[in-house]
Amino acid sequence: MRIIYTIITTLCLSMIPLSTAQKTIQWSGYEWFLKEMQGAGPGPNDWESNNVWVDADNKLHLKLHKSPTTGGWTCAELYSKVRFSFGTFRWFVEGAIDKLDTNVVLGLFTYGGIDGTNEIDIEMAKWGRTESEASNLFYTTYPHTLDVAKPVSSGTRISLQVNMDFLNSLHENIFYSYTTPMAFTSAMPHISAPLHMNLWAFQGKPPTDSQEVEIVIHDFKYIQA
């Protein structure tokens, strides 16, 4: 049985390309760079480009992989060549993301390149917490400049129902809604930034059950503000 649902957030599309020699893929109408690094954040973790791929049905796969030879773990991340800003972002996700291991994080976010600034996050994670009622979904917005304001964040615990298809409406089956506080308006990110998707190990710790994790994203859509 598949668990399928749509993640929607309102965060603009500015066609400002990035330039790099990194490995890339084409998916959902955009070009994406694949992360390949050792001992790098978040985590820190090791990141392998082979942990991201597009299958014959044009579905995107992210995998938290355990090496059968070394026992080491590697994570997955990709980010867009173009830069995005305000608009509506929709991910059509397959996978039990409400039941991720306490050490596993799925991130969907814009990131301007400097930690602590110009970043808007959706993260499915428990951040190492093991209590049964621990929050597992977080929205976080970072200011446009360091020290202008502290990041604002909200977390909740969700338990998803099994759906056999995606919903096209932006107003149906909403399981959580968050609005950045009005007091944070002057500190909101105001530059366009690449869109990232990643699957990684919190503090570099492997899943407590030692099982690999795979998330499938059927599609991504953007609606300009």
C-alpha atoms as a PDB file:
ATOM      1  CA  MET A   1       0.000   0.000   0.000  1.00  0.00           C
ATOM      2  CA  ARG A   2       1.371   3.406  -0.967  1.00  0.00           C
ATOM      3  CA  ILE A   3       1.159   6.520   1.171  1.00  0.00           C
ATOM      4  CA  ILE A   4       0.757   9.418  -1.238  1.00  0.00           C
ATOM      5  CA  TYR A   5       0.080  13.079  -0.560  1.00  0.00           C
ATOM      6  CA  THR A   6       0.868  16.601  -1.673  1.00  0.00           C
ATOM      7  CA  ILE A   7       3.097  19.038   0.216  1.00  0.00           C
ATOM      8  CA  ILE A   8       2.282  22.654  -0.585  1.00  0.00           C
ATOM      9  CA  THR A   9       3.964  25.836   0.573  1.00  0.00           C
ATOM     10  CA  THR A  10       3.738  29.447  -0.452  1.00  0.00           C
ATOM     11  CA  LEU A  11       7.217  30.902  -0.353  1.00  0.00           C
ATOM     12  CA  CYS A  12       9.014  33.669  -7.306  1.00  0.00           C
ATOM     13  CA  LEU A  13      10.825  32.383  -9.913  1.00  0.00           C
ATOM     14  CA  SER A  14      13.768  34.368 -11.213  1.00  0.00           C
ATOM     15  CA  MET A  15      15.650  32.713 -14.047  1.00  0.00           C
ATOM     16  CA  ILE A  16      19.150  33.414 -12.716  1.00  0.00           C
ATOM     17  CA  PRO A  17      21.303  30.361 -13.496  1.00  0.00           C
ATOM     18  CA  LEU A  18      24.098  29.032 -11.317  1.00  0.00           C
ATOM     19  CA  SER A  19      27.317  27.795 -12.891  1.00  0.00           C
ATOM     20  CA  THR A  20      29.128  24.661 -11.779  1.00  0.00           C
ATOM     21  CA  ALA A  21      30.758  21.514 -13.115  1.00  0.00           C
ATOM     22  CA  GLN A  22      28.733  19.278 -10.799  1.00  0.00           C
ATOM     23  CA  LYS A  23      26.737  16.334 -12.045  1.00  0.00           C
ATOM     24  CA  THR A  24      23.207  17.360 -13.022  1.00  0.00           C
ATOM     25  CA  ILE A  25      19.858  15.785 -13.832  1.00  0.00           C
ATOM     26  CA  GLN A  26      16.752  17.038 -15.601  1.00  0.00           C
ATOM     27  CA  TRP A  27      13.496  16.620 -13.717  1.00  0.00           C
ATOM     28  CA  SER A  28      10.085  18.259 -13.648  1.00  0.00           C
ATOM     29  CA  GLY A  29      11.108  20.911 -16.180  1.00  0.00           C
ATOM     30  CA  TYR A  30      14.246  22.077 -14.342  1.00  0.00           C
ATOM     31  CA  GLU A  31      17.933  21.250 -14.189  1.00  0.00           C
ATOM     32  CA  TRP A  32      19.248  20.121 -10.793  1.00  0.00           C
ATOM     33  CA  PHE A  33      22.763  19.848  -9.376  1.00  0.00           C
ATOM     34  CA  LEU A  34      23.592  16.759  -7.283  1.00  0.00           C
ATOM     35  CA  LYS A  35      25.576  17.097  -4.070  1.00  0.00           C
ATOM     36  CA  GLU A  36      28.795  15.074  -3.814  1.00  0.00           C
ATOM     37  CA  MET A  37      30.766  15.873  -0.648  1.00  0.00           C
ATOM     38  CA  GLN A  38      32.367  14.177   2.333  1.00  0.00           C
ATOM     39  CA  GLY A  39      31.889  15.288   5.939  1.00  0.00           C
ATOM     40  CA  ALA A  40      29.728  18.254   4.970  1.00  0.00           C
ATOM     41  CA  GLY A  41      26.646  19.767   6.519  1.00  0.00           C
ATOM     42  CA  PRO A  42      23.970  19.374   7.396  1.00  0.00           C
ATOM     43  CA  GLY A  43      24.911  16.629   9.789  1.00  0.00           C
ATOM     44  CA  PRO A  44      27.767  16.532   9.041  1.00  0.00           C
ATOM     45  CA  ASN A  45      27.312  13.694   6.557  1.00  0.00           C
ATOM     46  CA  ASP A  46      28.768  12.133   3.443  1.00  0.00           C
ATOM     47  CA  TRP A  47      26.772  12.931   0.299  1.00  0.00           C
ATOM     48  CA  GLU A  48      26.682  10.798  -2.858  1.00  0.00           C
ATOM     49  CA  SER A  49      25.181  11.851  -6.190  1.00  0.00           C
ATOM     50  CA  ASN A  50      24.174   8.226  -6.857  1.00  0.00           C
ATOM     51  CA  ASN A  51      21.620   8.550  -4.052  1.00  0.00           C
ATOM     52  CA  VAL A  52      19.515  10.775  -6.326  1.00  0.00           C
ATOM     53  CA  TRP A  53      18.012   9.492  -9.566  1.00  0.00           C
ATOM     54  CA  VAL A  54      15.024   9.748 -11.892  1.00  0.00           C
ATOM     55  CA  ASP A  55      13.338   6.485 -12.896  1.00  0.00           C
ATOM     56  CA  ALA A  56      11.688   5.464 -16.175  1.00  0.00           C
ATOM     57  CA  ASP A  57       8.390   6.984 -15.009  1.00  0.00           C
ATOM     58  CA  ASN A  58      10.082  10.347 -14.344  1.00  0.00           C
ATOM     59  CA  LYS A  59       9.785   9.990 -10.578  1.00  0.00           C
ATOM     60  CA  LEU A  60      12.541  11.464  -8.431  1.00  0.00           C
ATOM     61  CA  HIS A  61      14.155   9.183  -5.829  1.00  0.00           C
ATOM     62  CA  LEU A  62      16.130  10.276  -2.752  1.00  0.00           C
ATOM     63  CA  LYS A  63      17.890   7.584  -0.751  1.00  0.00           C
ATOM     64  CA  LEU A  64      19.671   7.411   2.586  1.00  0.00           C
ATOM     65  CA  HIS A  65      22.035   4.564   1.728  1.00  0.00           C
ATOM     66  CA  LYS A  66      24.078   2.129   3.794  1.00  0.00           C
ATOM     67  CA  SER A  67      27.145   0.693   2.080  1.00  0.00           C
ATOM     68  CA  PRO A  68      27.045  -3.124   2.051  1.00  0.00           C
ATOM     69  CA  THR A  69      30.850  -3.218   2.151  1.00  0.00           C
ATOM     70  CA  THR A  70      31.878  -0.489   4.611  1.00  0.00           C
ATOM     71  CA  GLY A  71      28.658  -0.079   6.595  1.00  0.00           C
ATOM     72  CA  GLY A  72      28.937   3.697   6.159  1.00  0.00           C
ATOM     73  CA  TRP A  73      25.942   5.883   5.409  1.00  0.00           C
ATOM     74  CA  THR A  74      25.551   8.408   2.592  1.00  0.00           C
ATOM     75  CA  CYS A  75      22.847  11.025   2.069  1.00  0.00           C
ATOM     76  CA  ALA A  76      21.050  12.643  -0.866  1.00  0.00           C
ATOM     77  CA  GLU A  77      20.648  16.257  -1.960  1.00  0.00           C
ATOM     78  CA  LEU A  78      19.871  18.148  -5.135  1.00  0.00           C
ATOM     79  CA  TYR A  79      19.326  21.833  -5.818  1.00  0.00           C
ATOM     80  CA  SER A  80      18.001  23.836  -8.735  1.00  0.00           C
ATOM     81  CA  LYS A  81      20.055  25.655 -11.337  1.00  0.00           C
ATOM     82  CA  VAL A  82      17.528  28.494 -11.382  1.00  0.00           C
ATOM     83  CA  ARG A  83      16.738  30.607  -8.340  1.00  0.00           C
ATOM     84  CA  PHE A  84      13.290  30.810  -6.812  1.00  0.00           C
ATOM     85  CA  SER A  85      11.541  33.264  -4.549  1.00  0.00           C
ATOM     86  CA  PHE A  86       7.912  33.881  -3.597  1.00  0.00           C
ATOM     87  CA  GLY A  87       5.185  31.687  -5.043  1.00  0.00           C
ATOM     88  CA  THR A  88       3.429  28.392  -4.414  1.00  0.00           C
ATOM     89  CA  PHE A  89       5.586  25.267  -4.386  1.00  0.00           C
ATOM     90  CA  ARG A  90       3.986  21.799  -4.658  1.00  0.00           C
ATOM     91  CA  TRP A  91       5.703  18.456  -4.105  1.00  0.00           C
ATOM     92  CA  PHE A  92       3.828  15.237  -4.899  1.00  0.00           C
ATOM     93  CA  VAL A  93       5.434  12.836  -2.433  1.00  0.00           C
ATOM     94  CA  GLU A  94       5.144   9.080  -1.985  1.00  0.00           C
ATOM     95  CA  GLY A  95       6.417   7.653   1.285  1.00  0.00           C
ATOM     96  CA  ALA A  96       5.615   7.473   4.972  1.00  0.00           C
ATOM     97  CA  ILE A  97       7.267  10.766   5.830  1.00  0.00           C
ATOM     98  CA  ASP A  98       5.234  11.090   9.033  1.00  0.00           C
ATOM     99  CA  LYS A  99       6.918   7.908  10.252  1.00  0.00           C
ATOM    100  CA  LEU A 100      10.556   8.713   9.520  1.00  0.00           C
ATOM    101  CA  ASP A 101      13.128   7.413  11.990  1.00  0.00           C
ATOM    102  CA  THR A 102      14.075   9.842  14.751  1.00  0.00           C
ATOM    103  CA  ASN A 103      17.486  10.411  13.086  1.00  0.00           C
ATOM    104  CA  VAL A 104      16.181  10.947   9.532  1.00  0.00           C
ATOM    105  CA  VAL A 105      15.394  14.353   7.993  1.00  0.00           C
ATOM    106  CA  LEU A 106      13.583  15.158   4.742  1.00  0.00           C
ATOM    107  CA  GLY A 107      14.135  18.794   3.758  1.00  0.00           C
ATOM    108  CA  LEU A 108      12.377  20.909   1.106  1.00  0.00           C
ATOM    109  CA  PHE A 109      13.685  24.461   1.143  1.00  0.00           C
ATOM    110  CA  THR A 110      15.112  27.540  -0.531  1.00  0.00           C
ATOM    111  CA  TYR A 111      18.663  28.406   0.551  1.00  0.00           C
ATOM    112  CA  GLY A 112      20.645  31.530  -0.299  1.00  0.00           C
ATOM    113  CA  GLY A 113      24.077  30.007   0.399  1.00  0.00           C
ATOM    114  CA  ILE A 114      24.958  31.587   3.759  1.00  0.00           C
ATOM    115  CA  ASP A 115      23.881  29.685   6.849  1.00  0.00           C
ATOM    116  CA  GLY A 116      21.336  31.478   8.990  1.00  0.00           C
ATOM    117  CA  THR A 117      20.047  33.768   6.250  1.00  0.00           C
ATOM    118  CA  ASN A 118      17.719  33.738   3.229  1.00  0.00           C
ATOM    119  CA  GLU A 119      16.335  30.270   3.861  1.00  0.00           C
ATOM    120  CA  ILE A 120      12.746  29.016   4.047  1.00  0.00           C
ATOM    121  CA  ASP A 121      12.391  25.401   5.205  1.00  0.00           C
ATOM    122  CA  ILE A 122       9.884  22.590   5.344  1.00  0.00           C
ATOM    123  CA  GLU A 123      11.436  19.698   7.258  1.00  0.00           C
ATOM    124  CA  MET A 124      10.006  16.328   8.204  1.00  0.00           C
ATOM    125  CA  ALA A 125      12.103  15.399  11.244  1.00  0.00           C
ATOM    126  CA  LYS A 126      12.055  14.580  14.938  1.00  0.00           C
ATOM    127  CA  TRP A 127      15.595  15.914  15.512  1.00  0.00           C
ATOM    128  CA  GLY A 128      16.601  12.904  17.584  1.00  0.00           C
ATOM    129  CA  ARG A 129      13.609  13.038  19.919  1.00  0.00           C
ATOM    130  CA  THR A 130      12.129   9.662  20.797  1.00  0.00           C
ATOM    131  CA  GLU A 131       8.949  10.467  22.729  1.00  0.00           C
ATOM    132  CA  SER A 132       5.771   9.290  21.010  1.00  0.00           C
ATOM    133  CA  GLU A 133       4.278  12.769  20.690  1.00  0.00           C
ATOM    134  CA  ALA A 134       7.402  14.487  19.345  1.00  0.00           C
ATOM    135  CA  SER A 135       6.726  16.972  16.533  1.00  0.00           C
ATOM    136  CA  ASN A 136       7.666  15.661  13.084  1.00  0.00           C
ATOM    137  CA  LEU A 137       6.910  18.586  10.754  1.00  0.00           C
ATOM    138  CA  PHE A 138       8.622  21.972  10.971  1.00  0.00           C
ATOM    139  CA  TYR A 139       8.387  25.260   9.060  1.00  0.00           C
ATOM    140  CA  THR A 140      11.293  27.676   9.579  1.00  0.00           C
ATOM    141  CA  THR A 141      12.090  31.056   8.052  1.00  0.00           C
ATOM    142  CA  TYR A 142      15.506  32.714   8.414  1.00  0.00           C
ATOM    143  CA  PRO A 143      16.068  36.488   8.137  1.00  0.00           C
ATOM    144  CA  HIS A 144      17.553  38.162   5.078  1.00  0.00           C
ATOM    145  CA  THR A 145      20.591  39.324   7.086  1.00  0.00           C
ATOM    146  CA  LEU A 146      22.365  37.905  10.116  1.00  0.00           C
ATOM    147  CA  ASP A 147      21.398  39.538  13.433  1.00  0.00           C
ATOM    148  CA  VAL A 148      18.431  41.397  11.940  1.00  0.00           C
ATOM    149  CA  ALA A 149      16.108  38.970  13.687  1.00  0.00           C
ATOM    150  CA  LYS A 150      16.070  35.441  15.023  1.00  0.00           C
ATOM    151  CA  PRO A 151      14.619  32.713  12.795  1.00  0.00           C
ATOM    152  CA  VAL A 152      10.946  31.952  13.321  1.00  0.00           C
ATOM    153  CA  SER A 153       9.787  28.352  13.410  1.00  0.00           C
ATOM    154  CA  SER A 154       6.745  26.243  14.104  1.00  0.00           C
ATOM    155  CA  GLY A 155       6.522  22.485  14.581  1.00  0.00           C
ATOM    156  CA  THR A 156       3.664  20.046  14.924  1.00  0.00           C
ATOM    157  CA  ARG A 157       3.024  16.335  14.973  1.00  0.00           C
ATOM    158  CA  ILE A 158       1.138  14.929  11.986  1.00  0.00           C
ATOM    159  CA  SER A 159      -0.190  11.463  11.290  1.00  0.00           C
ATOM    160  CA  LEU A 160      -1.149  11.016   7.667  1.00  0.00           C
ATOM    161  CA  GLN A 161      -3.950   9.024   6.141  1.00  0.00           C
ATOM    162  CA  VAL A 162      -3.313   6.638   3.265  1.00  0.00           C
ATOM    163  CA  ASN A 163      -4.286   8.190  -0.074  1.00  0.00           C
ATOM    164  CA  MET A 164      -4.228   6.291  -3.339  1.00  0.00           C
ATOM    165  CA  ASP A 165      -3.927   9.413  -5.487  1.00  0.00           C
ATOM    166  CA  PHE A 166      -2.819  13.035  -5.302  1.00  0.00           C
ATOM    167  CA  LEU A 167      -5.162  15.964  -4.720  1.00  0.00           C
ATOM    168  CA  ASN A 168      -5.050  18.747  -7.304  1.00  0.00           C
ATOM    169  CA  SER A 169      -6.800  21.344  -5.147  1.00  0.00           C
ATOM    170  CA  LEU A 170      -4.700  23.671  -3.000  1.00  0.00           C
ATOM    171  CA  HIS A 171      -7.493  23.800  -0.431  1.00  0.00           C
ATOM    172  CA  GLU A 172      -8.338  20.132   0.256  1.00  0.00           C
ATOM    173  CA  ASN A 173      -6.991  17.757   2.888  1.00  0.00           C
ATOM    174  CA  ILE A 174      -4.841  20.393   4.603  1.00  0.00           C
ATOM    175  CA  PHE A 175      -3.199  18.678   7.578  1.00  0.00           C
ATOM    176  CA  TYR A 176      -1.221  21.683   8.805  1.00  0.00           C
ATOM    177  CA  SER A 177      -1.076  25.387   7.958  1.00  0.00           C
ATOM    178  CA  TYR A 178       1.535  27.900   9.109  1.00  0.00           C
ATOM    179  CA  THR A 179       1.900  31.624   8.422  1.00  0.00           C
ATOM    180  CA  THR A 180       5.100  33.516   9.191  1.00  0.00           C
ATOM    181  CA  PRO A 181       4.322  36.101  11.905  1.00  0.00           C
ATOM    182  CA  MET A 182       3.586  39.626  10.721  1.00  0.00           C
ATOM    183  CA  ALA A 183       6.275  40.939  13.094  1.00  0.00           C
ATOM    184  CA  PHE A 184       8.865  39.096  10.965  1.00  0.00           C
ATOM    185  CA  THR A 185       7.822  40.799   7.709  1.00  0.00           C
ATOM    186  CA  SER A 186      10.727  43.279   7.609  1.00  0.00           C
ATOM    187  CA  ALA A 187      13.227  40.446   8.140  1.00  0.00           C
ATOM    188  CA  MET A 188      11.817  38.109   5.454  1.00  0.00           C
ATOM    189  CA  PRO A 189      14.261  36.816   2.817  1.00  0.00           C
ATOM    190  CA  HIS A 190      14.080  39.036  -0.253  1.00  0.00           C
ATOM    191  CA  ILE A 191      16.602  37.502  -2.650  1.00  0.00           C
ATOM    192  CA  SER A 192      15.923  34.661  -5.052  1.00  0.00           C
ATOM    193  CA  ALA A 193      17.594  31.387  -4.077  1.00  0.00           C
ATOM    194  CA  PRO A 194      18.047  27.821  -5.363  1.00  0.00           C
ATOM    195  CA  LEU A 195      15.503  25.239  -4.292  1.00  0.00           C
ATOM    196  CA  HIS A 196      16.938  22.262  -2.390  1.00  0.00           C
ATOM    197  CA  MET A 197      15.620  18.806  -1.551  1.00  0.00           C
ATOM    198  CA  ASN A 198      17.557  16.509   0.749  1.00  0.00           C
ATOM    199  CA  LEU A 199      17.360  13.330   2.798  1.00  0.00           C
ATOM    200  CA  TRP A 200      19.935  13.112   5.568  1.00  0.00           C
ATOM    201  CA  ALA A 201      20.982  11.865   9.002  1.00  0.00           C
ATOM    202  CA  PHE A 202      20.529  14.198  11.970  1.00  0.00           C
ATOM    203  CA  GLN A 203      23.939  14.915  13.569  1.00  0.00           C
ATOM    204  CA  GLY A 204      25.366  12.296  11.209  1.00  0.00           C
ATOM    205  CA  LYS A 205      23.711   9.498  13.209  1.00  0.00           C
ATOM    206  CA  PRO A 206      22.313   6.535  11.229  1.00  0.00           C
ATOM    207  CA  PRO A 207      18.667   5.450  11.536  1.00  0.00           C
ATOM    208  CA  THR A 208      18.084   3.699  14.850  1.00  0.00           C
ATOM    209  CA  ASP A 209      16.721   0.637  13.038  1.00  0.00           C
ATOM    210  CA  SER A 210      19.710   0.572  10.621  1.00  0.00           C
ATOM    211  CA  GLN A 211      17.284   0.489   7.678  1.00  0.00           C
ATOM    212  CA  GLU A 212      17.828   2.455   4.482  1.00  0.00           C
ATOM    213  CA  VAL A 213      15.262   5.140   3.660  1.00  0.00           C
ATOM    214  CA  GLU A 214      13.911   6.054   0.235  1.00  0.00           C
ATOM    215  CA  ILE A 215      11.527   8.868  -0.669  1.00  0.00           C
ATOM    216  CA  VAL A 216       9.846   9.137  -4.066  1.00  0.00           C
ATOM    217  CA  ILE A 217       8.666  12.499  -5.407  1.00  0.00           C
ATOM    218  CA  HIS A 218       6.342  12.091  -8.381  1.00  0.00           C
ATOM    219  CA  ASP A 219       6.379  15.730  -9.438  1.00  0.00           C
ATOM    220  CA  PHE A 220       7.134  19.309  -8.459  1.00  0.00           C
ATOM    221  CA  LYS A 221       5.122  22.322  -9.571  1.00  0.00           C
ATOM    222  CA  TYR A 222       5.614  26.021  -9.104  1.00  0.00           C
ATOM    223  CA  ILE A 223       2.926  28.730  -9.344  1.00  0.00           C
ATOM    224  CA  GLN A 224       4.325  32.256  -9.606  1.00  0.00           C
ATOM    225  CA  ALA A 225       3.042  34.743  -7.052  1.00  0.00           C
END
